Amino acid sequence: MRGAARIVSALEAVASIPSGSTMAVSGFVGAGHPEMLTAALERHFIETNSPRDLTLVYAAGQGDRTGRGLDHLAHTGLLKRVVGGHWNLTPKLGKLALENQIEAYNLPQGVICVLLREIAAKRPGVIAKVGLNTFVDPHKDGGRLNARTIEPLVQRLTLDGEEWLRYRAFPVHVGLIRGTTADRRGNVSMEREGLIGEVLPIAQAAKNHGGIVIAQVERIGDRIADPKSVRVPGVLIDYIVVSEGQQHDQTFGAPFNEAFVNTAHELSKRPPLLLSERKIIGRRSLMEIRPGEIVNLGIGLPEAVAGVAAETGQINDFTLTIESGPIGGLPASGLSFGCSLFPEAIIDQPSQFDFYDGGGLDIAVLGAVEIDAEGSVNVSTFAGRFAGVGGFMNIAHNARRLVICCTFRAGEIEVAVENGALRIVREGRHPKFVKRVQHVCFHGPSALARGQQVKFITERAVFELTPGGLALCELAPGIEPRDILPLMEFTPAITTFRRMPAQCFHKT
């Protein structure tokens, strides 16, 4: 008969990880990431030179760019291969890939978290249209990031006369997950975690392939009273590591925020944002969202949309969602991104992407590194580093309407509004509108073929995606075509254009 759960130290737990195994790790930035386990694995490798040649699999980026998260594992010899959704938060891991020291893949975040579920069920993989005609298409790079990476993980299929991508399944042997409480039989609940993530598919995948599951929890309890609150049953868990709150911050941005795990009937107004290019873009993008719609906002500049909505009292007019699982509330920013303030519900990440992939999003507002003449977008490669596509590819492909927002140029841009007109005080150093993007993460012609409505919003101009490519449709007051065309590497279609709404430029 099954007895009490096996409670061990972090070093004892990671010592059980065999060389050559495939290991999946849960987390989203810092939320849900088992920091004590990844730090212990790094220490164990440095001290013993084992385990070696691991394949690391993760869906969302996990790190803070200063060494926490999956950067603990960025050691030559420890890793052989990495299959990840986002790389920007783990620069040491990215460096190994760029220097051709490991095999490295970047696949869509939504595909990877659903793929873990398929691996658990021993099905042949994920079949999706997400990624067609982008860099993860095998007709392009197949998601491979360097010359060392050879094995194809993605293939094209024709089903009922339509083109699809198959993301191949592979065995998972080790699962590192995190929860809040484990009872004496190993059942894990997540009452203080800001998200659920993909902890259950990871545990099921490892267990069904004869592997091991290690769970980091804050505390041990005698019995979890409500069986529905158990997110990972004890039958799936081999080792429990009790952190007692050490290396167990709710996010990498906050030790614990009660608002991430509680709901409120309505969100109150927030203090106004200072007028800047971010606020102008946030105001104009917010005008694209209709009352009652289901919305996703990307990290970075799109967060200004939520800020403007909160300060104007419009935050309750529609429902904001995050790909990590929160529904409703106000998305958190920075190193707490992935959580939401006062969410109405939190579901697991694979289920959220199921909803997104089926067309559940009315509109998404996402950022961009580069945009080209055909409306294709790069979000993954810039400034000599590889950021990765994250959840962008699933979201951008499947939202019914899409807004891509960014400053007109990048690099220390500064603007001012004088007498209702926009003035560029300091121009950005780098172009955003280029002849051809470095990495196709969103394919403009494919979006047109599936009837998707796409707009590109900056602080001084708004463009629409048309059969002829980008077309200028709005200019800020004080800005003329002659002011923007020399700063673009292509000429957009120009017939007639409107002025951006005056309220975008109000100083209060």
Protein backbone atom coordinates (compact mmCIF):
# COMPACT_ATOMS: atom_id res chain seq x y z
CA MET A 1 0.00 0.00 0.00
CA ARG A 2 1.09 3.55 -0.67
CA GLY A 3 2.42 5.28 2.42
CA ALA A 4 3.59 8.76 3.27
CA ALA A 5 5.21 10.94 0.65
CA ARG A 6 9.00 10.88 0.48
CA ILE A 7 10.26 14.22 1.82
CA VAL A 8 13.91 14.94 1.01
CA SER A 9 16.29 17.88 0.69
CA ALA A 10 16.64 19.67 -2.64
CA LEU A 11 20.13 18.22 -3.16
CA GLU A 12 18.91 14.68 -2.42
CA ALA A 13 16.08 15.12 -4.89
CA VAL A 14 18.13 16.42 -7.80
CA ALA A 15 20.75 13.72 -7.22
CA SER A 16 18.12 11.28 -8.51
CA ILE A 17 18.04 12.89 -11.98
CA PRO A 18 19.79 10.55 -14.42
CA SER A 19 22.20 11.74 -17.09
CA GLY A 20 20.78 11.81 -20.60
CA SER A 21 17.20 12.30 -19.43
CA THR A 22 14.63 14.79 -20.71
CA MET A 23 13.46 17.17 -17.99
CA ALA A 24 10.41 19.46 -18.07
CA VAL A 25 10.23 22.44 -15.70
CA SER A 26 7.13 24.43 -14.74
CA GLY A 27 6.85 28.19 -14.38
CA PHE A 28 6.10 31.51 -16.03
CA VAL A 29 8.81 34.17 -15.54
CA GLY A 30 9.12 33.47 -11.78
CA ALA A 31 5.59 32.40 -10.91
CA GLY A 32 5.39 28.67 -10.35
CA HIS A 33 9.09 28.15 -11.02
CA PRO A 34 10.79 25.69 -8.59
CA GLU A 35 13.75 27.96 -7.84
CA MET A 36 15.07 25.83 -4.99
CA LEU A 37 15.24 22.81 -7.30
CA THR A 38 16.97 24.48 -10.24
CA ALA A 39 19.47 26.18 -7.90
CA ALA A 40 20.17 22.84 -6.22
CA LEU A 41 20.65 21.13 -9.58
CA GLU A 42 23.22 23.77 -10.53
CA ARG A 43 25.09 23.26 -7.26
CA HIS A 44 24.99 19.47 -7.61
CA PHE A 45 26.39 19.65 -11.15
CA ILE A 46 29.20 22.00 -10.13
CA GLU A 47 30.16 19.72 -7.21
CA THR A 48 29.78 16.32 -8.89
CA ASN A 49 29.81 16.98 -12.66
CA SER A 50 26.47 15.16 -12.89
CA PRO A 51 23.91 14.74 -14.27
CA ARG A 52 25.10 15.39 -17.80
CA ASP A 53 23.57 15.80 -21.25
CA LEU A 54 20.06 16.68 -20.13
CA THR A 55 17.36 17.80 -22.53
CA LEU A 56 15.51 20.74 -20.97
CA VAL A 57 11.90 21.39 -21.99
CA TYR A 58 9.86 24.40 -20.86
CA ALA A 59 6.93 26.36 -22.21
CA ALA A 60 7.13 29.90 -20.81
CA GLY A 61 10.38 31.76 -20.16
CA GLN A 62 11.58 31.37 -16.58
CA GLY A 63 14.13 33.84 -15.28
CA ASP A 64 14.93 37.43 -14.35
CA ARG A 65 17.98 38.08 -16.59
CA THR A 66 20.22 38.11 -13.48
CA GLY A 67 20.73 34.37 -12.87
CA ARG A 68 17.53 33.11 -11.32
CA GLY A 69 15.28 30.58 -13.03
CA LEU A 70 16.52 28.37 -15.82
CA ASP A 71 19.83 30.21 -16.07
CA HIS A 72 20.88 28.02 -13.13
CA LEU A 73 21.12 25.23 -15.70
CA ALA A 74 23.24 27.13 -18.22
CA HIS A 75 26.39 25.02 -17.90
CA THR A 76 28.27 23.25 -20.66
CA GLY A 77 27.92 19.52 -20.07
CA LEU A 78 24.81 19.77 -17.93
CA LEU A 79 22.62 20.44 -20.95
CA LYS A 80 22.71 18.79 -24.36
CA ARG A 81 19.47 20.21 -25.79
CA VAL A 82 16.93 22.89 -24.92
CA VAL A 83 13.39 23.09 -26.29
CA GLY A 84 11.91 26.32 -25.04
CA GLY A 85 9.20 28.84 -25.75
CA HIS A 86 11.02 32.01 -24.66
CA TRP A 87 14.72 32.75 -24.13
CA ASN A 88 15.01 36.45 -23.28
CA LEU A 89 14.83 36.03 -19.49
CA THR A 90 17.73 33.56 -19.46
CA PRO A 91 20.70 35.24 -21.18
CA LYS A 92 23.20 32.58 -20.06
CA LEU A 93 21.06 29.88 -21.63
CA GLY A 94 20.75 32.00 -24.76
CA LYS A 95 24.50 32.45 -24.90
CA LEU A 96 25.01 28.67 -24.99
CA ALA A 97 22.63 28.50 -27.94
CA LEU A 98 24.18 31.42 -29.81
CA GLU A 99 27.67 29.98 -29.30
CA ASN A 100 26.54 26.61 -30.70
CA GLN A 101 27.33 24.79 -27.45
CA ILE A 102 23.93 23.12 -27.13
CA GLU A 103 21.17 22.01 -29.47
CA ALA A 104 18.53 24.72 -29.25
CA TYR A 105 14.92 24.98 -30.42
CA ASN A 106 12.37 27.73 -30.09
CA LEU A 107 8.80 26.50 -30.47
CA PRO A 108 5.58 28.37 -29.66
CA GLN A 109 4.82 28.47 -25.95
CA GLY A 110 1.23 27.41 -26.47
CA VAL A 111 2.34 24.43 -28.52
CA ILE A 112 4.85 23.26 -25.90
CA CYS A 113 2.46 23.36 -22.94
CA VAL A 114 -0.19 21.46 -24.91
CA LEU A 115 2.49 19.09 -26.23
CA LEU A 116 3.31 18.11 -22.63
CA ARG A 117 -0.28 16.94 -22.30
CA GLU A 118 0.01 14.92 -25.51
CA ILE A 119 3.28 13.40 -24.30
CA ALA A 120 1.54 12.35 -21.08
CA ALA A 121 -1.12 10.56 -23.14
CA LYS A 122 1.51 9.07 -25.48
CA ARG A 123 -0.15 10.61 -28.50
CA PRO A 124 2.02 11.48 -31.53
CA GLY A 125 2.20 15.22 -30.94
CA VAL A 126 0.35 18.46 -31.57
CA ILE A 127 -1.16 19.21 -34.99
CA ALA A 128 -1.75 22.93 -35.50
CA LYS A 129 -1.68 25.70 -38.05
CA VAL A 130 0.25 27.89 -35.61
CA GLY A 131 3.72 28.43 -37.06
CA LEU A 132 2.95 27.94 -40.75
CA ASN A 133 5.12 30.23 -42.91
CA THR A 134 7.13 31.40 -39.89
CA PHE A 135 10.62 30.44 -38.71
CA VAL A 136 9.25 27.33 -36.95
CA ASP A 137 7.90 25.98 -40.24
CA PRO A 138 10.19 23.18 -41.48
CA HIS A 139 10.14 24.94 -44.86
CA LYS A 140 12.11 27.66 -43.02
CA ASP A 141 14.22 26.86 -39.92
CA GLY A 142 11.92 24.39 -38.18
CA GLY A 143 12.46 26.28 -34.92
CA ARG A 144 16.17 25.37 -34.88
CA LEU A 145 18.42 28.13 -33.57
CA ASN A 146 21.94 27.10 -34.56
CA ALA A 147 24.01 24.85 -36.80
CA ARG A 148 24.40 22.20 -34.10
CA THR A 149 20.66 21.61 -34.03
CA ILE A 150 19.79 19.08 -36.72
CA GLU A 151 16.93 16.81 -35.66
CA PRO A 152 13.56 17.94 -37.06
CA LEU A 153 10.92 18.36 -34.35
CA VAL A 154 8.34 19.88 -36.70
CA GLN A 155 6.94 18.51 -39.94
CA ARG A 156 4.38 19.66 -42.52
CA LEU A 157 1.29 17.56 -43.10
CA THR A 158 -1.57 17.78 -45.56
CA LEU A 159 -4.90 16.82 -44.01
CA ASP A 160 -8.16 17.11 -45.97
CA GLY A 161 -6.36 19.30 -48.48
CA GLU A 162 -5.05 21.77 -45.86
CA GLU A 163 -1.51 22.36 -44.66
CA TRP A 164 -0.76 21.73 -40.98
CA LEU A 165 2.30 21.46 -38.77
CA ARG A 166 2.91 18.44 -36.59
CA TYR A 167 5.01 19.12 -33.48
CA ARG A 168 6.47 15.72 -32.62
CA ALA A 169 6.11 14.17 -29.17
CA PHE A 170 9.11 12.79 -27.28
CA PRO A 171 9.49 11.08 -23.88
CA VAL A 172 9.80 13.16 -20.70
CA HIS A 173 11.71 11.45 -17.88
CA VAL A 174 11.90 14.11 -15.15
CA GLY A 175 9.40 16.72 -14.00
CA LEU A 176 10.28 19.67 -11.74
CA ILE A 177 7.14 21.40 -10.49
CA ARG A 178 6.06 23.76 -7.73
CA GLY A 179 3.05 24.05 -5.45
CA THR A 180 2.10 25.52 -2.09
CA THR A 181 1.06 22.67 0.18
CA ALA A 182 1.64 18.92 0.11
CA ASP A 183 -0.14 16.57 2.44
CA ARG A 184 1.42 13.46 3.97
CA ARG A 185 0.49 11.39 0.91
CA GLY A 186 2.04 13.85 -1.51
CA ASN A 187 -1.06 15.55 -2.90
CA VAL A 188 -0.18 19.11 -3.92
CA SER A 189 -2.34 22.23 -3.84
CA MET A 190 -1.48 25.71 -5.15
CA GLU A 191 -3.43 28.17 -3.01
CA ARG A 192 -0.62 30.75 -2.75
CA GLU A 193 0.63 30.38 -6.33
CA GLY A 194 -0.28 33.11 -8.82
CA LEU A 195 -0.94 30.56 -11.57
CA ILE A 196 -1.38 26.84 -12.19
CA GLY A 197 0.67 26.51 -15.36
CA GLU A 198 1.25 23.01 -16.70
CA VAL A 199 2.20 21.18 -13.49
CA LEU A 200 -0.23 18.32 -14.04
CA PRO A 201 0.79 17.47 -17.64
CA ILE A 202 4.46 17.60 -16.62
CA ALA A 203 3.89 15.18 -13.76
CA GLN A 204 1.74 12.86 -15.85
CA ALA A 205 4.23 12.89 -18.74
CA ALA A 206 7.18 11.95 -16.53
CA LYS A 207 5.24 9.30 -14.62
CA ASN A 208 3.85 7.68 -17.77
CA HIS A 209 7.36 7.39 -19.21
CA GLY A 210 8.75 5.67 -16.14
CA GLY A 211 10.44 8.80 -14.86
CA ILE A 212 10.46 10.82 -11.64
CA VAL A 213 8.57 13.89 -10.44
CA ILE A 214 10.01 16.31 -7.88
CA ALA A 215 7.68 18.85 -6.30
CA GLN A 216 8.84 21.94 -4.43
CA VAL A 217 6.26 23.12 -1.89
CA GLU A 218 6.21 25.71 0.85
CA ARG A 219 4.83 23.48 3.57
CA ILE A 220 3.51 20.08 4.58
CA GLY A 221 0.00 19.59 5.93
CA ASP A 222 -1.75 16.54 7.33
CA ARG A 223 -4.57 16.45 4.81
CA ILE A 224 -5.83 18.73 2.04
CA ALA A 225 -9.47 19.10 3.00
CA ASP A 226 -10.93 19.86 -0.42
CA PRO A 227 -9.90 17.20 -2.97
CA LYS A 228 -10.85 19.58 -5.81
CA SER A 229 -8.03 21.91 -4.73
CA VAL A 230 -5.42 19.21 -5.38
CA ARG A 231 -3.67 20.15 -8.62
CA VAL A 232 -1.22 17.23 -8.72
CA PRO A 233 -2.20 13.99 -6.97
CA GLY A 234 0.36 12.31 -4.77
CA VAL A 235 0.39 9.15 -6.90
CA LEU A 236 2.35 11.13 -9.50
CA ILE A 237 5.02 12.54 -7.17
CA ASP A 238 8.23 10.78 -6.14
CA TYR A 239 9.99 13.41 -4.05
CA ILE A 240 8.77 16.43 -2.11
CA VAL A 241 11.13 19.27 -1.19
CA VAL A 242 9.84 21.66 1.47
CA SER A 243 11.10 25.21 0.96
CA GLU A 244 9.51 26.82 4.04
CA GLY A 245 9.32 29.97 1.94
CA GLN A 246 12.98 30.05 0.94
CA GLN A 247 13.57 30.41 -2.82
CA HIS A 248 9.80 30.32 -3.14
CA ASP A 249 8.78 33.89 -3.96
CA GLN A 250 5.36 34.06 -5.53
CA THR A 251 7.00 35.81 -8.50
CA PHE A 252 10.47 37.13 -9.21
CA GLY A 253 8.94 40.58 -8.72
CA ALA A 254 7.09 40.05 -5.42
CA PRO A 255 7.58 37.70 -2.44
CA PHE A 256 3.81 37.46 -2.06
CA ASN A 257 0.90 39.59 -3.26
CA GLU A 258 -2.50 38.62 -1.90
CA ALA A 259 -4.16 40.30 -4.90
CA PHE A 260 -2.74 37.60 -7.23
CA VAL A 261 -4.81 34.89 -5.52
CA ASN A 262 -7.96 36.81 -4.58
CA THR A 263 -10.77 38.27 -6.58
CA ALA A 264 -12.63 41.58 -6.33
CA HIS A 265 -16.04 42.52 -7.65
CA GLU A 266 -14.65 45.51 -9.53
CA LEU A 267 -11.26 47.05 -10.03
CA SER A 268 -10.97 50.62 -8.83
CA LYS A 269 -9.49 53.46 -10.85
CA ARG A 270 -5.72 53.80 -10.86
CA PRO A 271 -3.56 56.96 -10.78
CA PRO A 272 -3.07 58.45 -14.26
CA LEU A 273 0.00 57.60 -16.30
CA LEU A 274 2.30 60.42 -17.31
CA LEU A 275 1.93 61.51 -20.91
CA SER A 276 4.50 59.73 -23.06
CA GLU A 277 4.72 57.78 -26.29
CA ARG A 278 3.60 54.73 -24.29
CA LYS A 279 0.45 56.45 -23.09
CA ILE A 280 -0.39 57.76 -26.57
CA ILE A 281 -0.06 54.23 -27.99
CA GLY A 282 -2.02 52.78 -25.07
CA ARG A 283 -4.85 55.25 -25.58
CA ARG A 284 -5.09 54.61 -29.31
CA SER A 285 -4.89 50.83 -28.90
CA LEU A 286 -7.59 50.87 -26.23
CA MET A 287 -9.96 52.41 -28.77
CA GLU A 288 -9.79 49.16 -30.75
CA ILE A 289 -11.26 47.15 -27.85
CA ARG A 290 -15.05 46.90 -27.75
CA PRO A 291 -17.19 46.50 -24.63
CA GLY A 292 -17.67 42.90 -23.57
CA GLU A 293 -14.70 41.54 -25.52
CA ILE A 294 -12.17 38.93 -24.40
CA VAL A 295 -8.68 40.38 -24.69
CA ASN A 296 -5.03 39.39 -24.40
CA LEU A 297 -2.31 41.99 -23.84
CA GLY A 298 1.34 41.21 -24.47
CA ILE A 299 4.22 42.06 -22.17
CA GLY A 300 5.96 45.43 -22.45
CA LEU A 301 4.36 48.31 -24.30
CA PRO A 302 0.90 46.66 -24.59
CA GLU A 303 0.71 46.84 -20.79
CA ALA A 304 0.01 50.56 -21.26
CA VAL A 305 -3.43 49.59 -22.60
CA ALA A 306 -4.34 48.14 -19.20
CA GLY A 307 -2.89 51.20 -17.47
CA VAL A 308 -5.00 53.59 -19.51
CA ALA A 309 -8.10 51.44 -19.07
CA ALA A 310 -7.56 51.38 -15.30
CA GLU A 311 -7.08 55.14 -14.96
CA THR A 312 -10.16 55.91 -17.07
CA GLY A 313 -12.43 53.38 -15.38
CA GLN A 314 -12.79 51.24 -18.51
CA ILE A 315 -11.02 48.20 -17.09
CA ASN A 316 -14.35 46.54 -16.22
CA ASP A 317 -15.82 47.06 -19.71
CA PHE A 318 -14.03 44.00 -21.13
CA THR A 319 -12.16 40.93 -19.86
CA LEU A 320 -8.39 40.83 -19.88
CA THR A 321 -6.78 37.40 -19.98
CA ILE A 322 -3.19 36.15 -19.79
CA GLU A 323 -1.89 33.10 -21.61
CA SER A 324 -0.60 31.70 -18.30
CA GLY A 325 -4.18 31.19 -17.13
CA PRO A 326 -5.64 34.23 -15.28
CA ILE A 327 -8.99 35.49 -16.54
CA GLY A 328 -10.19 38.96 -15.56
CA GLY A 329 -8.50 41.43 -13.27
CA LEU A 330 -5.55 43.64 -14.13
CA PRO A 331 -2.43 41.93 -15.56
CA ALA A 332 0.71 42.44 -13.48
CA SER A 333 3.82 43.78 -15.16
CA GLY A 334 7.57 43.29 -15.15
CA LEU A 335 8.85 40.25 -13.26
CA SER A 336 5.32 39.53 -12.02
CA PHE A 337 3.96 39.22 -15.57
CA GLY A 338 1.88 36.08 -15.86
CA CYS A 339 -0.14 36.92 -12.74
CA SER A 340 -3.15 39.20 -12.52
CA LEU A 341 -4.40 41.52 -9.81
CA PHE A 342 -7.80 40.33 -8.54
CA PRO A 343 -8.50 37.77 -11.30
CA GLU A 344 -11.97 36.30 -11.64
CA ALA A 345 -10.55 32.84 -12.35
CA ILE A 346 -7.25 31.08 -12.93
CA ILE A 347 -7.18 28.05 -15.21
CA ASP A 348 -4.22 25.93 -16.29
CA GLN A 349 -2.04 27.20 -19.12
CA PRO A 350 -2.75 24.39 -21.66
CA SER A 351 -6.50 25.01 -21.29
CA GLN A 352 -6.01 28.73 -21.81
CA PHE A 353 -4.16 28.05 -25.04
CA ASP A 354 -6.86 25.61 -26.12
CA PHE A 355 -9.31 28.50 -25.86
CA TYR A 356 -6.99 30.90 -27.65
CA ASP A 357 -6.17 28.44 -30.44
CA GLY A 358 -9.86 27.86 -31.07
CA GLY A 359 -10.45 31.56 -31.76
CA GLY A 360 -11.69 32.57 -28.31
CA LEU A 361 -9.86 35.90 -28.27
CA ASP A 362 -11.81 38.77 -29.78
CA ILE A 363 -8.69 40.90 -29.92
CA ALA A 364 -5.04 40.79 -28.91
CA VAL A 365 -2.70 43.75 -28.46
CA LEU A 366 0.93 42.66 -28.85
CA GLY A 367 4.33 44.28 -29.29
CA ALA A 368 6.89 44.05 -32.09
CA VAL A 369 10.61 44.31 -32.70
CA GLU A 370 10.29 44.75 -36.48
CA ILE A 371 7.49 45.08 -39.03
CA ASP A 372 7.96 44.76 -42.76
CA ALA A 373 6.16 45.81 -45.93
CA GLU A 374 3.99 42.67 -46.15
CA GLY A 375 2.88 43.00 -42.52
CA SER A 376 5.09 40.25 -41.14
CA VAL A 377 6.39 40.76 -37.60
CA ASN A 378 9.56 39.82 -35.73
CA VAL A 379 9.47 39.60 -31.94
CA SER A 380 12.28 37.13 -31.37
CA THR A 381 15.61 38.48 -32.63
CA PHE A 382 17.15 41.86 -31.82
CA ALA A 383 20.28 43.64 -30.57
CA GLY A 384 22.53 40.62 -30.95
CA ARG A 385 20.42 38.30 -28.84
CA PHE A 386 17.60 35.86 -29.31
CA ALA A 387 14.48 36.50 -27.24
CA GLY A 388 12.22 33.78 -28.57
CA VAL A 389 8.62 33.81 -29.67
CA GLY A 390 6.89 32.91 -26.37
CA GLY A 391 3.11 32.93 -26.54
CA PHE A 392 3.11 35.53 -29.32
CA MET A 393 2.79 33.06 -32.16
CA ASN A 394 -0.31 31.25 -30.86
CA ILE A 395 -2.00 34.49 -29.83
CA ALA A 396 -1.20 36.50 -32.96
CA HIS A 397 -2.25 33.67 -35.27
CA ASN A 398 -5.59 32.95 -33.62
CA ALA A 399 -7.02 36.24 -32.32
CA ARG A 400 -9.93 37.41 -34.45
CA ARG A 401 -8.51 40.93 -34.55
CA LEU A 402 -4.92 41.88 -33.89
CA VAL A 403 -3.23 45.13 -32.89
CA ILE A 404 0.55 45.30 -33.13
CA CYS A 405 1.81 48.29 -31.18
CA CYS A 406 5.28 49.78 -30.88
CA THR A 407 7.06 53.09 -31.05
CA PHE A 408 7.71 54.25 -34.60
CA ARG A 409 11.45 53.91 -34.00
CA ALA A 410 13.35 52.20 -31.18
CA GLY A 411 16.01 53.52 -28.84
CA GLU A 412 15.55 56.43 -26.42
CA ILE A 413 12.74 58.10 -28.31
CA GLU A 414 11.22 61.16 -26.60
CA VAL A 415 8.04 62.99 -27.59
CA ALA A 416 6.08 66.00 -26.42
CA VAL A 417 2.63 67.41 -27.13
CA GLU A 418 2.39 71.14 -27.79
CA ASN A 419 -0.91 72.85 -28.63
CA GLY A 420 -2.47 69.46 -29.34
CA ALA A 421 0.24 68.49 -31.85
CA LEU A 422 2.87 65.79 -31.47
CA ARG A 423 6.51 66.85 -31.53
CA ILE A 424 9.43 64.41 -31.71
CA VAL A 425 11.93 65.74 -29.18
CA ARG A 426 14.47 62.97 -29.69
CA GLU A 427 14.24 60.47 -32.52
CA GLY A 428 14.79 56.77 -31.96
CA ARG A 429 18.06 55.31 -33.17
CA HIS A 430 16.76 52.13 -34.80
CA PRO A 431 14.12 51.52 -37.47
CA LYS A 432 11.07 49.42 -36.61
CA PHE A 433 9.56 49.42 -40.12
CA VAL A 434 12.03 47.44 -42.22
CA LYS A 435 12.12 46.05 -45.72
CA ARG A 436 12.27 42.44 -44.47
CA VAL A 437 12.10 41.22 -40.87
CA GLN A 438 14.98 39.09 -39.56
CA HIS A 439 12.68 36.38 -38.17
CA VAL A 440 9.10 35.83 -39.28
CA CYS A 441 7.06 35.26 -36.11
CA PHE A 442 3.79 36.45 -37.67
CA HIS A 443 3.19 36.12 -41.40
CA GLY A 444 1.19 39.00 -42.86
CA PRO A 445 0.04 37.32 -46.09
CA SER A 446 -1.24 34.31 -44.15
CA ALA A 447 -3.23 36.61 -41.87
CA LEU A 448 -4.88 38.18 -44.90
CA ALA A 449 -5.69 34.74 -46.32
CA ARG A 450 -7.53 33.72 -43.14
CA GLY A 451 -9.42 37.03 -43.00
CA GLN A 452 -7.76 38.42 -39.91
CA GLN A 453 -8.01 42.17 -39.26
CA VAL A 454 -4.60 43.63 -38.32
CA LYS A 455 -3.61 47.16 -37.32
CA PHE A 456 -0.19 48.56 -36.45
CA ILE A 457 -0.31 51.43 -33.95
CA THR A 458 2.54 53.80 -33.09
CA GLU A 459 2.66 57.17 -31.34
CA ARG A 460 2.67 59.05 -34.66
CA ALA A 461 1.00 56.79 -37.25
CA VAL A 462 -1.46 53.93 -37.62
CA PHE A 463 -1.29 51.38 -40.44
CA GLU A 464 -3.65 48.64 -41.63
CA LEU A 465 -2.78 45.34 -43.27
CA THR A 466 -4.25 45.25 -46.78
CA PRO A 467 -3.81 42.94 -49.79
CA GLY A 468 -1.16 45.39 -50.98
CA GLY A 469 0.74 45.31 -47.70
CA LEU A 470 0.81 48.04 -45.08
CA ALA A 471 -1.34 51.08 -45.73
CA LEU A 472 -1.17 54.35 -43.82
CA CYS A 473 -4.56 55.18 -42.35
CA GLU A 474 -3.88 57.70 -39.55
CA LEU A 475 -1.29 60.31 -38.63
CA ALA A 476 -0.85 62.18 -35.36
CA PRO A 477 -1.69 65.90 -35.38
CA GLY A 478 1.46 67.76 -36.34
CA ILE A 479 2.88 64.81 -38.31
CA GLU A 480 2.81 64.62 -42.12
CA PRO A 481 3.75 61.79 -44.51
CA ARG A 482 7.02 63.53 -45.30
CA ASP A 483 7.96 63.23 -41.60
CA ILE A 484 7.68 59.45 -41.49
CA LEU A 485 8.45 58.09 -44.95
CA PRO A 486 12.23 58.79 -44.84
CA LEU A 487 12.35 56.83 -41.56
CA MET A 488 10.84 53.68 -43.10
CA GLU A 489 12.70 51.14 -45.23
CA PHE A 490 9.65 50.75 -47.47
CA THR A 491 6.86 52.98 -48.68
CA PRO A 492 3.41 52.06 -47.37
CA ALA A 493 0.32 52.50 -49.49
CA ILE A 494 -1.10 56.01 -49.03
CA THR A 495 -4.46 57.07 -50.41
CA THR A 496 -6.28 59.06 -47.78
CA PHE A 497 -5.55 59.18 -44.07
CA ARG A 498 -7.27 60.50 -40.97
CA ARG A 499 -5.84 62.22 -37.94
CA MET A 500 -5.39 60.09 -34.87
CA PRO A 501 -8.09 61.02 -32.31
CA ALA A 502 -7.27 64.18 -30.41
CA GLN A 503 -7.93 62.54 -27.04
CA CYS A 504 -4.85 60.37 -27.55
CA PHE A 505 -2.75 63.50 -27.03
CA HIS A 506 -4.48 65.12 -24.05
CA LYS A 507 -1.96 65.95 -21.35
CA THR A 508 -4.21 64.65 -18.55
